[in-house]
C-alpha atoms as a PDB file:
ATOM      1  CA  MET A   1      -2.526  -3.566  24.384  1.00  0.00           C
ATOM      2  CA  PRO A   2       1.239  -3.332  25.019  1.00  0.00           C
ATOM      3  CA  ALA A   3       3.502  -1.920  22.332  1.00  0.00           C
ATOM      4  CA  HIS A   4       5.211  -4.375  19.993  1.00  0.00           C
ATOM      5  CA  ALA A   5       8.891  -5.195  20.426  1.00  0.00           C
ATOM      6  CA  PRO A   6      11.177  -3.104  18.168  1.00  0.00           C
ATOM      7  CA  LEU A   7      12.063  -4.355  14.696  1.00  0.00           C
ATOM      8  CA  THR A   8      15.488  -3.854  13.092  1.00  0.00           C
ATOM      9  CA  ALA A   9      15.821  -3.579   9.313  1.00  0.00           C
ATOM     10  CA  ARG A  10      17.954  -2.128   6.543  1.00  0.00           C
ATOM     11  CA  ALA A  11      15.100  -0.745   4.405  1.00  0.00           C
ATOM     12  CA  LEU A  12      11.373  -0.014   4.508  1.00  0.00           C
ATOM     13  CA  LEU A  13       8.889  -0.695   1.708  1.00  0.00           C
ATOM     14  CA  LEU A  14       5.720   1.370   2.011  1.00  0.00           C
ATOM     15  CA  ASP A  15       2.301   0.811   0.518  1.00  0.00           C
ATOM     16  CA  MET A  16       0.371   4.024  -0.239  1.00  0.00           C
ATOM     17  CA  ASP A  17      -3.439   3.725   0.030  1.00  0.00           C
ATOM     18  CA  GLY A  18      -4.503   2.994   3.589  1.00  0.00           C
ATOM     19  CA  THR A  19      -0.892   3.121   4.785  1.00  0.00           C
ATOM     20  CA  LEU A  20       0.353   6.642   3.977  1.00  0.00           C
ATOM     21  CA  VAL A  21      -2.793   8.098   2.399  1.00  0.00           C
ATOM     22  CA  ASN A  22      -6.414   7.685   3.469  1.00  0.00           C
ATOM     23  CA  SER A  23      -8.236   7.425   0.137  1.00  0.00           C
ATOM     24  CA  ASP A  24     -11.085   5.222   1.326  1.00  0.00           C
ATOM     25  CA  ALA A  25     -13.778   7.765   0.418  1.00  0.00           C
ATOM     26  CA  VAL A  26     -12.820   8.020  -3.253  1.00  0.00           C
ATOM     27  CA  VAL A  27     -12.078   4.290  -3.542  1.00  0.00           C
ATOM     28  CA  GLU A  28     -15.559   3.535  -2.280  1.00  0.00           C
ATOM     29  CA  ARG A  29     -17.211   6.084  -4.585  1.00  0.00           C
ATOM     30  CA  CYS A  30     -15.471   4.794  -7.693  1.00  0.00           C
ATOM     31  CA  TRP A  31     -15.902   1.111  -6.961  1.00  0.00           C
ATOM     32  CA  ARG A  32     -19.563   1.470  -6.009  1.00  0.00           C
ATOM     33  CA  HIS A  33     -20.129   3.233  -9.342  1.00  0.00           C
ATOM     34  CA  TRP A  34     -18.413   0.367 -11.181  1.00  0.00           C
ATOM     35  CA  ALA A  35     -20.328  -2.224  -9.136  1.00  0.00           C
ATOM     36  CA  ALA A  36     -23.636  -0.615 -10.094  1.00  0.00           C
ATOM     37  CA  GLU A  37     -22.648  -0.767 -13.782  1.00  0.00           C
ATOM     38  CA  GLN A  38     -21.994  -4.500 -13.417  1.00  0.00           C
ATOM     39  CA  GLY A  39     -25.080  -5.237 -11.342  1.00  0.00           C
ATOM     40  CA  LEU A  40     -22.964  -6.241  -8.336  1.00  0.00           C
ATOM     41  CA  ASP A  41     -23.596  -5.550  -4.670  1.00  0.00           C
ATOM     42  CA  GLY A  42     -21.512  -2.549  -3.663  1.00  0.00           C
ATOM     43  CA  ASP A  43     -20.870  -3.713  -0.096  1.00  0.00           C
ATOM     44  CA  SER A  44     -19.529  -7.051  -1.329  1.00  0.00           C
ATOM     45  CA  VAL A  45     -17.267  -5.330  -3.855  1.00  0.00           C
ATOM     46  CA  ILE A  46     -15.771  -2.945  -1.296  1.00  0.00           C
ATOM     47  CA  LYS A  47     -14.690  -5.902   0.849  1.00  0.00           C
ATOM     48  CA  VAL A  48     -12.220  -7.130  -1.783  1.00  0.00           C
ATOM     49  CA  VAL A  49     -10.926  -4.034  -3.581  1.00  0.00           C
ATOM     50  CA  HIS A  50      -8.137  -2.935  -1.228  1.00  0.00           C
ATOM     51  CA  GLY A  51      -4.537  -3.721  -2.079  1.00  0.00           C
ATOM     52  CA  ARG A  52      -4.902  -5.083  -5.603  1.00  0.00           C
ATOM     53  CA  GLN A  53      -4.683  -3.401  -8.969  1.00  0.00           C
ATOM     54  CA  GLY A  54      -8.136  -2.768 -10.390  1.00  0.00           C
ATOM     55  CA  TYR A  55      -8.020  -5.407 -13.116  1.00  0.00           C
ATOM     56  CA  ALA A  56      -7.036  -8.046 -10.546  1.00  0.00           C
ATOM     57  CA  THR A  57      -9.985  -7.114  -8.332  1.00  0.00           C
ATOM     58  CA  MET A  58     -12.304  -7.328 -11.333  1.00  0.00           C
ATOM     59  CA  ALA A  59     -10.951 -10.796 -12.138  1.00  0.00           C
ATOM     60  CA  VAL A  60     -11.809 -11.932  -8.611  1.00  0.00           C
ATOM     61  CA  LEU A  61     -15.308 -10.485  -8.802  1.00  0.00           C
ATOM     62  CA  LEU A  62     -16.078 -11.573 -12.382  1.00  0.00           C
ATOM     63  CA  PRO A  63     -13.941 -14.688 -12.939  1.00  0.00           C
ATOM     64  CA  GLU A  64     -15.568 -15.595 -16.271  1.00  0.00           C
ATOM     65  CA  ARG A  65     -15.100 -12.139 -17.757  1.00  0.00           C
ATOM     66  CA  PRO A  66     -12.475 -11.708 -20.518  1.00  0.00           C
ATOM     67  CA  MET A  67      -9.310 -10.063 -19.186  1.00  0.00           C
ATOM     68  CA  GLU A  68      -9.421  -7.527 -22.023  1.00  0.00           C
ATOM     69  CA  GLU A  69     -12.619  -6.115 -20.521  1.00  0.00           C
ATOM     70  CA  ASN A  70     -11.038  -5.956 -17.078  1.00  0.00           C
ATOM     71  CA  LEU A  71      -8.021  -4.093 -18.451  1.00  0.00           C
ATOM     72  CA  ALA A  72     -10.262  -1.625 -20.274  1.00  0.00           C
ATOM     73  CA  ASP A  73     -12.306  -0.993 -17.124  1.00  0.00           C
ATOM     74  CA  ASN A  74      -9.077  -0.693 -15.142  1.00  0.00           C
ATOM     75  CA  ARG A  75      -8.059   2.209 -17.368  1.00  0.00           C
ATOM     76  CA  ARG A  76     -11.424   3.870 -16.756  1.00  0.00           C
ATOM     77  CA  MET A  77     -11.097   3.277 -13.022  1.00  0.00           C
ATOM     78  CA  LEU A  78      -7.661   4.924 -12.942  1.00  0.00           C
ATOM     79  CA  GLU A  79      -9.077   7.961 -14.751  1.00  0.00           C
ATOM     80  CA  TRP A  80     -11.942   8.235 -12.255  1.00  0.00           C
ATOM     81  CA  GLU A  81      -9.674   7.846  -9.233  1.00  0.00           C
ATOM     82  CA  THR A  82      -7.001  10.242 -10.480  1.00  0.00           C
ATOM     83  CA  SER A  83      -9.565  12.995 -11.099  1.00  0.00           C
ATOM     84  CA  ASP A  84     -11.455  12.477  -7.805  1.00  0.00           C
ATOM     85  CA  LEU A  85      -9.312  13.629  -4.878  1.00  0.00           C
ATOM     86  CA  ASP A  86     -12.114  14.769  -2.586  1.00  0.00           C
ATOM     87  CA  GLY A  87     -11.446  13.463   0.905  1.00  0.00           C
ATOM     88  CA  VAL A  88      -7.890  12.242   0.211  1.00  0.00           C
ATOM     89  CA  VAL A  89      -5.874  13.002   3.364  1.00  0.00           C
ATOM     90  CA  PRO A  90      -2.708  11.698   5.022  1.00  0.00           C
ATOM     91  CA  VAL A  91      -2.952   8.819   7.457  1.00  0.00           C
ATOM     92  CA  PRO A  92      -2.295  10.293  10.935  1.00  0.00           C
ATOM     93  CA  GLY A  93       1.429  10.505  11.535  1.00  0.00           C
ATOM     94  CA  ALA A  94       2.386  10.049   7.865  1.00  0.00           C
ATOM     95  CA  PRO A  95       4.063  13.463   7.380  1.00  0.00           C
ATOM     96  CA  ALA A  96       6.325  13.051  10.416  1.00  0.00           C
ATOM     97  CA  PHE A  97       6.988   9.401   9.593  1.00  0.00           C
ATOM     98  CA  LEU A  98       8.172  10.228   6.060  1.00  0.00           C
ATOM     99  CA  ALA A  99      10.229  13.135   7.362  1.00  0.00           C
ATOM    100  CA  SER A 100      12.000  10.728   9.715  1.00  0.00           C
ATOM    101  CA  LEU A 101      13.027   8.567   6.734  1.00  0.00           C
ATOM    102  CA  VAL A 102      15.016  11.268   4.941  1.00  0.00           C
ATOM    103  CA  GLY A 103      18.460   9.857   4.241  1.00  0.00           C
ATOM    104  CA  LEU A 104      17.358   6.280   5.002  1.00  0.00           C
ATOM    105  CA  PRO A 105      16.640   3.549   2.428  1.00  0.00           C
ATOM    106  CA  TYR A 106      12.931   3.251   1.672  1.00  0.00           C
ATOM    107  CA  ALA A 107      10.627   2.892  -1.318  1.00  0.00           C
ATOM    108  CA  LEU A 108       6.969   3.268  -2.229  1.00  0.00           C
ATOM    109  CA  VAL A 109       5.396   0.026  -3.497  1.00  0.00           C
ATOM    110  CA  THR A 110       1.841   0.692  -4.631  1.00  0.00           C
ATOM    111  CA  SER A 111      -0.849  -0.849  -6.821  1.00  0.00           C
ATOM    112  CA  ALA A 112      -1.585   2.661  -8.131  1.00  0.00           C
ATOM    113  CA  ASP A 113      -0.017   3.798 -11.373  1.00  0.00           C
ATOM    114  CA  GLU A 114       2.436   6.711 -11.396  1.00  0.00           C
ATOM    115  CA  GLY A 115      -0.235   9.309 -12.174  1.00  0.00           C
ATOM    116  CA  LEU A 116      -2.577   8.185  -9.419  1.00  0.00           C
ATOM    117  CA  ALA A 117       0.258   7.876  -6.915  1.00  0.00           C
ATOM    118  CA  ARG A 118       1.427  11.422  -7.640  1.00  0.00           C
ATOM    119  CA  ALA A 119      -2.128  12.765  -7.458  1.00  0.00           C
ATOM    120  CA  ARG A 120      -2.936  11.162  -4.106  1.00  0.00           C
ATOM    121  CA  MET A 121       0.433  11.858  -2.456  1.00  0.00           C
ATOM    122  CA  GLY A 122       0.119  15.464  -3.621  1.00  0.00           C
ATOM    123  CA  ALA A 123      -3.468  15.790  -2.389  1.00  0.00           C
ATOM    124  CA  ALA A 124      -2.347  14.462   1.004  1.00  0.00           C
ATOM    125  CA  GLY A 125       0.589  16.886   1.105  1.00  0.00           C
ATOM    126  CA  LEU A 126       3.152  14.087   1.240  1.00  0.00           C
ATOM    127  CA  PRO A 127       6.503  13.977  -0.590  1.00  0.00           C
ATOM    128  CA  MET A 128       6.848  11.465  -3.411  1.00  0.00           C
ATOM    129  CA  PRO A 129       9.599   8.976  -2.574  1.00  0.00           C
ATOM    130  CA  SER A 130      12.483   8.956  -5.050  1.00  0.00           C
ATOM    131  CA  VAL A 131      12.373   5.147  -5.251  1.00  0.00           C
ATOM    132  CA  ARG A 132       8.966   3.753  -6.149  1.00  0.00           C
ATOM    133  CA  VAL A 133       7.403   0.699  -7.711  1.00  0.00           C
ATOM    134  CA  THR A 134       4.050   1.535  -9.288  1.00  0.00           C
ATOM    135  CA  ALA A 135       1.587  -0.494 -11.349  1.00  0.00           C
ATOM    136  CA  GLU A 136       3.511   0.092 -14.576  1.00  0.00           C
ATOM    137  CA  CYS A 137       6.609  -1.547 -13.074  1.00  0.00           C
ATOM    138  CA  VAL A 138       5.158  -5.006 -12.438  1.00  0.00           C
ATOM    139  CA  GLY A 139       3.531  -7.794 -14.380  1.00  0.00           C
ATOM    140  CA  ALA A 140       1.475  -9.105 -11.466  1.00  0.00           C
ATOM    141  CA  SER A 141      -0.643  -7.387  -8.814  1.00  0.00           C
ATOM    142  CA  LYS A 142      -0.426  -7.929  -5.078  1.00  0.00           C
ATOM    143  CA  PRO A 143      -0.748 -10.498  -3.461  1.00  0.00           C
ATOM    144  CA  ASP A 144       2.060 -11.479  -5.850  1.00  0.00           C
ATOM    145  CA  PRO A 145       5.382 -10.444  -4.223  1.00  0.00           C
ATOM    146  CA  GLU A 146       6.874  -8.977  -7.418  1.00  0.00           C
ATOM    147  CA  GLY A 147       6.447  -5.336  -6.389  1.00  0.00           C
ATOM    148  CA  PHE A 148       8.115  -5.748  -3.011  1.00  0.00           C
ATOM    149  CA  LEU A 149      10.948  -7.819  -4.467  1.00  0.00           C
ATOM    150  CA  LYS A 150      11.530  -5.113  -7.089  1.00  0.00           C
ATOM    151  CA  GLY A 151      11.536  -2.449  -4.387  1.00  0.00           C
ATOM    152  CA  ALA A 152      14.177  -4.342  -2.407  1.00  0.00           C
ATOM    153  CA  ALA A 153      16.256  -4.831  -5.549  1.00  0.00           C
ATOM    154  CA  GLU A 154      16.051  -1.116  -6.418  1.00  0.00           C
ATOM    155  CA  LEU A 155      17.392  -0.309  -2.954  1.00  0.00           C
ATOM    156  CA  GLY A 156      20.043  -3.022  -3.120  1.00  0.00           C
ATOM    157  CA  ILE A 157      18.756  -4.660   0.081  1.00  0.00           C
ATOM    158  CA  GLU A 158      18.070  -8.363   0.662  1.00  0.00           C
ATOM    159  CA  PRO A 159      14.346  -9.118   1.118  1.00  0.00           C
ATOM    160  CA  ALA A 160      14.865 -10.549   4.606  1.00  0.00           C
ATOM    161  CA  ASP A 161      16.343  -7.200   5.675  1.00  0.00           C
ATOM    162  CA  CYS A 162      13.258  -5.244   4.561  1.00  0.00           C
ATOM    163  CA  VAL A 163      10.137  -4.378   6.543  1.00  0.00           C
ATOM    164  CA  VAL A 164       6.867  -3.775   4.674  1.00  0.00           C
ATOM    165  CA  PHE A 165       4.149  -1.348   5.830  1.00  0.00           C
ATOM    166  CA  GLU A 166       0.719  -2.453   4.571  1.00  0.00           C
ATOM    167  CA  ASP A 167      -2.984  -2.102   5.346  1.00  0.00           C
ATOM    168  CA  SER A 168      -4.644  -4.791   3.222  1.00  0.00           C
ATOM    169  CA  GLU A 169      -4.898  -8.567   3.153  1.00  0.00           C
ATOM    170  CA  ALA A 170      -3.445  -8.698  -0.365  1.00  0.00           C
ATOM    171  CA  GLY A 171      -0.555  -6.425   0.581  1.00  0.00           C
ATOM    172  CA  ILE A 172       0.300  -8.336   3.746  1.00  0.00           C
ATOM    173  CA  ALA A 173       0.240 -11.589   1.784  1.00  0.00           C
ATOM    174  CA  ALA A 174       2.562 -10.058  -0.827  1.00  0.00           C
ATOM    175  CA  GLY A 175       5.028  -8.915   1.824  1.00  0.00           C
ATOM    176  CA  ARG A 176       5.082 -12.346   3.419  1.00  0.00           C
ATOM    177  CA  ALA A 177       5.513 -14.056   0.043  1.00  0.00           C
ATOM    178  CA  ALA A 178       8.523 -11.797  -0.566  1.00  0.00           C
ATOM    179  CA  GLY A 179      10.112 -13.114   2.639  1.00  0.00           C
ATOM    180  CA  MET A 180       9.724  -9.821   4.476  1.00  0.00           C
ATOM    181  CA  ARG A 181       8.358  -8.851   7.860  1.00  0.00           C
ATOM    182  CA  VAL A 182       5.184  -6.786   7.790  1.00  0.00           C
ATOM    183  CA  VAL A 183       3.887  -3.928   9.922  1.00  0.00           C
ATOM    184  CA  GLY A 184       0.115  -3.736   9.548  1.00  0.00           C
ATOM    185  CA  VAL A 185      -1.399  -0.241   9.567  1.00  0.00           C
ATOM    186  CA  GLY A 186      -5.014   0.445  10.467  1.00  0.00           C
ATOM    187  CA  PRO A 187      -8.084  -1.704  11.126  1.00  0.00           C
ATOM    188  CA  ARG A 188      -8.013  -3.758   7.905  1.00  0.00           C
ATOM    189  CA  ALA A 189      -4.551  -5.081   8.712  1.00  0.00           C
ATOM    190  CA  ALA A 190      -5.367  -6.288  12.209  1.00  0.00           C
ATOM    191  CA  ALA A 191      -7.210  -9.405  11.015  1.00  0.00           C
ATOM    192  CA  HIS A 192      -4.249 -10.747   9.025  1.00  0.00           C
ATOM    193  CA  ALA A 193      -1.639 -11.293  11.755  1.00  0.00           C
ATOM    194  CA  PRO A 194       1.159  -8.970  10.642  1.00  0.00           C
ATOM    195  CA  ASP A 195       4.429  -9.111  12.571  1.00  0.00           C
ATOM    196  CA  ALA A 196       3.450  -5.846  14.247  1.00  0.00           C
ATOM    197  CA  HIS A 197       0.253  -3.805  14.100  1.00  0.00           C
ATOM    198  CA  VAL A 198      -0.334  -0.083  14.649  1.00  0.00           C
ATOM    199  CA  ARG A 199      -3.474   2.039  14.636  1.00  0.00           C
ATOM    200  CA  ASP A 200      -1.696   4.579  12.418  1.00  0.00           C
ATOM    201  CA  LEU A 201       1.770   5.995  11.825  1.00  0.00           C
ATOM    202  CA  GLU A 202       1.668   8.137  14.954  1.00  0.00           C
ATOM    203  CA  GLN A 203       2.558   4.912  16.784  1.00  0.00           C
ATOM    204  CA  VAL A 204       5.823   4.382  14.874  1.00  0.00           C
ATOM    205  CA  ARG A 205       9.266   5.862  15.587  1.00  0.00           C
ATOM    206  CA  VAL A 206      12.274   5.341  13.309  1.00  0.00           C
ATOM    207  CA  GLU A 207      15.817   5.379  14.686  1.00  0.00           C
ATOM    208  CA  ALA A 208      18.931   5.293  12.482  1.00  0.00           C
ATOM    209  CA  LEU A 209      21.546   2.789  13.663  1.00  0.00           C
ATOM    210  CA  PRO A 210      25.231   2.404  12.768  1.00  0.00           C
ATOM    211  CA  ALA A 211      26.244   0.690   9.520  1.00  0.00           C
ATOM    212  CA  GLY A 212      23.075   1.700   7.698  1.00  0.00           C
ATOM    213  CA  ALA A 213      20.534  -0.202   9.763  1.00  0.00           C
ATOM    214  CA  LEU A 214      17.387   1.260  11.292  1.00  0.00           C
ATOM    215  CA  ARG A 215      15.158   0.388  14.214  1.00  0.00           C
ATOM    216  CA  LEU A 216      11.376   0.684  14.373  1.00  0.00           C
ATOM    217  CA  ARG A 217       9.870   1.393  17.770  1.00  0.00           C
ATOM    218  CA  PHE A 218       6.155   1.148  18.444  1.00  0.00           C
ATOM    219  CA  THR A 219       4.273   3.196  21.030  1.00  0.00           C
ATOM    220  CA  ASP A 220       0.916   2.567  22.695  1.00  0.00           C
END
């Protein structure tokens, strides 16, 4: 497949899980454990967990369940995930990609809370971005665009001038709803027609342009 045409932007907004950090192993362990507690099929649960905050996933899976129970289980899930870092590694190309963003406007926008984000970025050996929007910062989970809009506002950049990097259906939908272009990362993203798609971050090059802009180039 030929490389995508370059994209020009003024800021990048980066998801974490599946985009910068491969945490699939621990996500699957924790959610299969929760699914077994609820008497749900683990394979069916895994299909919908990526991209959302835990309570929002639980609301999709158990729509009649009181939200208070989902929020309580969400707290348990965060404890499990924060303490289980076995198999958490960087997505290929992530260290060099983040290094190339030093001095450029970018932010982390993740459904993880601050503690989980720090734990997983640390386990993957990746630097924590100085600007970040974590679960505590928003009132609604992806696919709501709130997180990406807050990230753009923190950077002082108009949404249309931002490019989102995402791996999940919910995340791609959130980026689109925010009026942003989306680069899909990894196999999950390919099915949701992002503006550009890459296997991993080894296929992305970032070039600083005059007047604070940046250009994204994509390689085969």
